[in-house]
Every structure is written in C-alpha cells, then in structure tokens.
Amino acid sequence: MKEKTWIGILLAVVGIWILLPIIGVTIGWLFSLLFPLLLIGVGVIGWRNNSRIIGGAFLAVGAVLLLAKLSKVIFLVLAVLLVIWGVSMLTKKRY
C-alpha cells in the first residue's frame, strides 16, 4: 500500500476512536484486553529476532497483565471443574 493510504487509515481510526465516547460508546474494556496481547506480540517478535531478553520481558509482562484480566474467568472455570470432579467422585460405585 502507498504511504498516503496508511496515513488515511490511521487518521480515520483515530477519528473514530475520538468520536465513539462522544456518542456514548465505550470500548475501554477492549483496549484493556488488547494491550496485554500487544505486549505478548511484541515479545514474540523480539524473541524471534534473537533479542531474547527484551522479547522475554515483553512476553512476561504481557502474560501477567493478561492473567490478571482473565483471572475471574479462570477461577470460574476452575470452580466448575472442581464441582464436576467432586460430584463424579460421589456418584462412583465403590466395591
């Protein structure tokens, strides 16, 4: 693509990003999930380009941030699995 095309796309995205809160649409939750994924992506690129210290640092920070964001979901899944495991242990026949 030409340079002017990329600048046009960037200007349109920034304009939409500024306009959305004005019309009442909030997307903060999306950015809070995308930022850790962006850090992980930068870390993977750094790791592949033989910059293991910087890549590893970005990967670690991104993974910790993503884990913090998804901790409620992880604990919900863990709780459901524990309940299923407990019920399955109660319903097994013992000889």
Protein backbone atom coordinates (compact mmCIF):
# COMPACT_ATOMS: atom_id res chain seq x y z
CA MET A 1 0.00 0.00 0.00
CA LYS A 2 1.04 3.54 -0.53
CA GLU A 3 2.11 5.76 2.34
CA LYS A 4 -0.88 8.05 1.89
CA THR A 5 -3.24 5.08 2.23
CA TRP A 6 -1.74 4.13 5.61
CA ILE A 7 -1.94 7.73 6.81
CA GLY A 8 -5.58 7.90 5.71
CA ILE A 9 -6.42 4.69 7.55
CA LEU A 10 -4.63 5.93 10.67
CA LEU A 11 -6.47 9.27 10.61
CA ALA A 12 -9.82 7.54 10.17
CA VAL A 13 -9.17 5.15 13.06
CA VAL A 14 -8.08 7.99 15.37
CA GLY A 15 -11.14 9.99 14.38
CA ILE A 16 -13.46 7.07 15.12
CA TRP A 17 -11.67 6.49 18.43
CA ILE A 18 -12.28 10.13 19.41
CA LEU A 19 -15.88 10.08 18.18
CA LEU A 20 -17.05 6.90 19.94
CA PRO A 21 -17.04 8.26 23.53
CA ILE A 22 -18.84 11.39 22.36
CA ILE A 23 -21.74 9.32 21.03
CA GLY A 24 -21.77 7.13 24.14
CA VAL A 25 -19.92 4.00 23.02
CA THR A 26 -17.15 2.93 25.38
CA ILE A 27 -14.51 0.47 24.30
CA GLY A 28 -12.15 0.69 27.27
CA TRP A 29 -12.66 -2.98 28.13
CA LEU A 30 -11.49 -3.91 24.63
CA PHE A 31 -8.31 -1.87 24.92
CA SER A 32 -7.63 -3.32 28.36
CA LEU A 33 -7.57 -6.78 26.75
CA LEU A 34 -5.73 -5.74 23.59
CA PHE A 35 -2.81 -4.08 25.41
CA PRO A 36 -1.52 -7.32 27.03
CA LEU A 37 -1.96 -9.13 23.72
CA LEU A 38 0.02 -6.38 22.00
CA LEU A 39 2.82 -6.76 24.56
CA ILE A 40 2.85 -10.52 24.01
CA GLY A 41 3.01 -9.99 20.25
CA VAL A 42 5.93 -7.57 20.57
CA GLY A 43 7.63 -10.10 22.84
CA VAL A 44 7.21 -12.89 20.30
CA ILE A 45 8.64 -10.68 17.55
CA GLY A 46 11.57 -9.76 19.77
CA TRP A 47 12.14 -13.41 20.69
CA ARG A 48 12.16 -14.44 17.02
CA ASN A 49 14.64 -11.67 16.16
CA ASN A 50 17.16 -13.07 18.67
CA SER A 51 16.54 -10.36 21.26
CA ARG A 52 15.63 -12.88 23.93
CA ILE A 53 15.97 -10.59 26.96
CA ILE A 54 13.70 -7.83 25.61
CA GLY A 55 11.32 -10.32 24.00
CA GLY A 56 11.12 -12.37 27.18
CA ALA A 57 10.47 -9.26 29.26
CA PHE A 58 7.61 -8.16 26.99
CA LEU A 59 6.21 -11.70 26.98
CA ALA A 60 6.32 -11.94 30.76
CA VAL A 61 4.72 -8.54 31.38
CA GLY A 62 2.01 -9.22 28.78
CA ALA A 63 1.28 -12.66 30.22
CA VAL A 64 0.99 -11.30 33.78
CA LEU A 65 -1.33 -8.50 32.65
CA LEU A 66 -3.47 -10.89 30.63
CA LEU A 67 -3.63 -13.35 33.52
CA ALA A 68 -4.80 -10.54 35.80
CA LYS A 69 -7.51 -9.53 33.31
CA LEU A 70 -8.75 -13.10 32.85
CA SER A 71 -8.43 -14.23 36.48
CA LYS A 72 -12.20 -14.17 37.09
CA VAL A 73 -12.84 -16.39 34.09
CA ILE A 74 -10.02 -18.75 35.06
CA PHE A 75 -11.34 -19.11 38.62
CA LEU A 76 -14.90 -19.64 37.35
CA VAL A 77 -13.74 -22.47 35.09
CA LEU A 78 -11.67 -23.93 37.93
CA ALA A 79 -14.65 -23.83 40.30
CA VAL A 80 -16.92 -25.57 37.77
CA LEU A 81 -14.30 -28.26 37.16
CA LEU A 82 -13.92 -28.84 40.91
CA VAL A 83 -17.69 -29.22 41.31
CA ILE A 84 -17.84 -31.69 38.42
CA TRP A 85 -14.91 -33.65 39.84
CA GLY A 86 -16.50 -33.75 43.30
CA VAL A 87 -19.88 -34.89 42.01
CA SER A 88 -18.26 -37.55 39.84
CA MET A 89 -16.40 -38.88 42.89
CA LEU A 90 -19.67 -39.07 44.86
CA THR A 91 -21.56 -40.93 42.14
CA LYS A 92 -18.92 -43.61 41.50
CA LYS A 93 -19.76 -47.04 42.81
CA ARG A 94 -17.37 -48.30 45.42
CA TYR A 95 -16.79 -52.06 45.76
